[in-house]
Each structure stands twice: as C-alpha cells, then as structure tokens.
Amino acid sequence: MILETLNPMHYNITSLVPDTMPVATVPILILMCFLFLIWNHEETSSVPGPGYCMGIGPLISHGRFLWMGVGNACNYYNKTYGDFVRVWISGEETFIISK
C-alpha cells in the first residue's frame, strides 16, 4: 500500500493542471507585456551608436573599452558607426568624435 502511494505513475499529472487559464492570468500577462514595452522604449537619438536595450548596451560598450583599450575600441566604433558616435563609459553617455 505504501509503495502504491509513492508510485509517480499512480497520479495523473494532467488532472492537476486546469484545462483553461484562470481568468485573472490574461490581464496580468497583458499588463506585464505593456509595462515591459514601456520600460524598453527609448527615445531615438540622432547620434549613431549601440542601442540601450534595457541597460545591456552600456555594459557591452564599457566592457569593450576595458577589453580592447580606448584606442582600439574607438577605432571599432568609428568603423561601425561613423565619425561621431555615442557610447557609454562607466555608465555615462560619451561621444567619440574623430576623423
């Protein structure tokens, strides 16, 4: 009898999960998607450069400067985006101007 109750095949897992989503789940998911879109929205800048993308862009930009050094990272961004580039160094927006 004890072995029968411990047997996982004895229970039907699909009977534990309801067939439809609860009514409150759909509005909560829609609200979460809406808040995510608002949080991810950024003003488009006329200055080219890597995107912000929820703070990942500044981390990548700063990491590139630490990894490659200032000179090589500036050359990379100038080849990629042009002579006037917006990047982030230590979390602050920085402009690279070169010709």
Protein backbone atom coordinates (compact mmCIF):
# COMPACT_ATOMS: atom_id res chain seq x y z
CA MET A 1 0.00 0.00 0.00
CA ILE A 2 2.85 2.45 0.80
CA LEU A 3 4.65 1.60 -2.44
CA GLU A 4 1.46 2.22 -4.39
CA THR A 5 1.09 5.76 -2.98
CA LEU A 6 4.74 6.59 -3.73
CA ASN A 7 4.49 5.42 -7.34
CA PRO A 8 4.51 8.55 -9.58
CA MET A 9 2.60 6.69 -12.31
CA HIS A 10 -0.29 6.34 -9.87
CA TYR A 11 -1.11 10.06 -10.15
CA ASN A 12 -2.37 11.68 -13.34
CA ILE A 13 -0.48 14.99 -13.55
CA THR A 14 -2.81 16.40 -16.23
CA SER A 15 -5.73 16.27 -13.83
CA LEU A 16 -3.89 18.67 -11.52
CA VAL A 17 -3.48 21.35 -14.25
CA PRO A 18 -6.72 23.10 -15.27
CA ASP A 19 -7.77 22.96 -18.92
CA THR A 20 -8.02 26.73 -19.31
CA MET A 21 -6.05 29.64 -17.92
CA PRO A 22 -7.57 31.34 -14.92
CA VAL A 23 -9.44 34.50 -15.83
CA ALA A 24 -7.05 36.79 -13.92
CA THR A 25 -3.94 35.47 -15.70
CA VAL A 26 -4.68 37.01 -19.10
CA PRO A 27 -4.99 40.64 -17.90
CA ILE A 28 -1.88 40.23 -15.74
CA LEU A 29 0.12 38.93 -18.72
CA ILE A 30 -1.13 41.78 -20.92
CA LEU A 31 -0.21 44.33 -18.23
CA MET A 32 3.27 42.80 -17.83
CA CYS A 33 3.85 42.94 -21.61
CA PHE A 34 2.68 46.56 -21.71
CA LEU A 35 4.97 47.56 -18.82
CA PHE A 36 7.89 45.73 -20.46
CA LEU A 37 7.31 47.65 -23.71
CA ILE A 38 7.19 50.97 -21.84
CA TRP A 39 10.34 50.12 -19.87
CA ASN A 40 12.16 49.02 -23.03
CA HIS A 41 11.11 52.11 -25.01
CA GLU A 42 13.86 54.60 -25.64
CA GLU A 43 13.98 57.90 -27.38
CA THR A 44 15.65 57.59 -30.73
CA SER A 45 18.83 59.61 -30.83
CA SER A 46 20.13 61.36 -33.91
CA VAL A 47 23.65 60.32 -32.87
CA PRO A 48 24.56 56.80 -34.04
CA GLY A 49 25.88 54.22 -31.64
CA PRO A 50 24.98 50.99 -29.91
CA GLY A 51 21.41 50.75 -28.61
CA TYR A 52 20.49 50.98 -24.95
CA CYS A 53 18.42 47.75 -24.84
CA MET A 54 17.48 47.68 -21.12
CA GLY A 55 20.98 48.64 -19.99
CA ILE A 56 22.77 45.86 -21.86
CA GLY A 57 24.19 48.28 -24.46
CA PRO A 58 26.10 50.35 -21.88
CA LEU A 59 27.51 47.20 -20.29
CA ILE A 60 28.74 45.90 -23.64
CA SER A 61 30.15 49.29 -24.60
CA HIS A 62 32.01 49.69 -21.30
CA GLY A 63 33.24 46.09 -21.49
CA ARG A 64 34.59 46.68 -24.99
CA PHE A 65 36.58 49.70 -23.78
CA LEU A 66 38.01 47.68 -20.88
CA TRP A 67 38.81 44.66 -23.05
CA MET A 68 40.16 46.35 -26.20
CA GLY A 69 41.54 49.55 -24.74
CA VAL A 70 40.44 53.07 -25.59
CA GLY A 71 42.22 53.34 -28.95
CA ASN A 72 41.08 50.04 -30.44
CA ALA A 73 37.53 50.43 -29.12
CA CYS A 74 37.30 53.94 -30.62
CA ASN A 75 38.55 52.61 -33.96
CA TYR A 76 35.98 49.80 -33.83
CA TYR A 77 33.08 52.16 -33.11
CA ASN A 78 34.25 54.62 -35.77
CA LYS A 79 34.39 51.87 -38.40
CA THR A 80 30.99 50.56 -37.33
CA TYR A 81 29.01 53.79 -36.81
CA GLY A 82 30.99 56.65 -38.37
CA ASP A 83 32.97 59.68 -37.20
CA PHE A 84 30.56 60.81 -34.46
CA VAL A 85 29.48 58.01 -32.09
CA ARG A 86 27.58 57.81 -28.81
CA VAL A 87 28.87 55.12 -26.37
CA TRP A 88 28.77 54.56 -22.62
CA ILE A 89 31.87 54.52 -20.44
CA SER A 90 31.33 53.82 -16.73
CA GLY A 91 27.59 54.24 -17.22
CA GLU A 92 27.87 57.77 -18.61
CA GLU A 93 27.00 58.71 -22.15
CA THR A 94 30.20 59.61 -24.03
CA PHE A 95 30.64 60.97 -27.54
CA ILE A 96 33.58 59.92 -29.71
CA ILE A 97 34.47 62.45 -32.36
CA SER A 98 37.16 61.53 -34.85
CA LYS A 99 38.03 61.92 -38.48
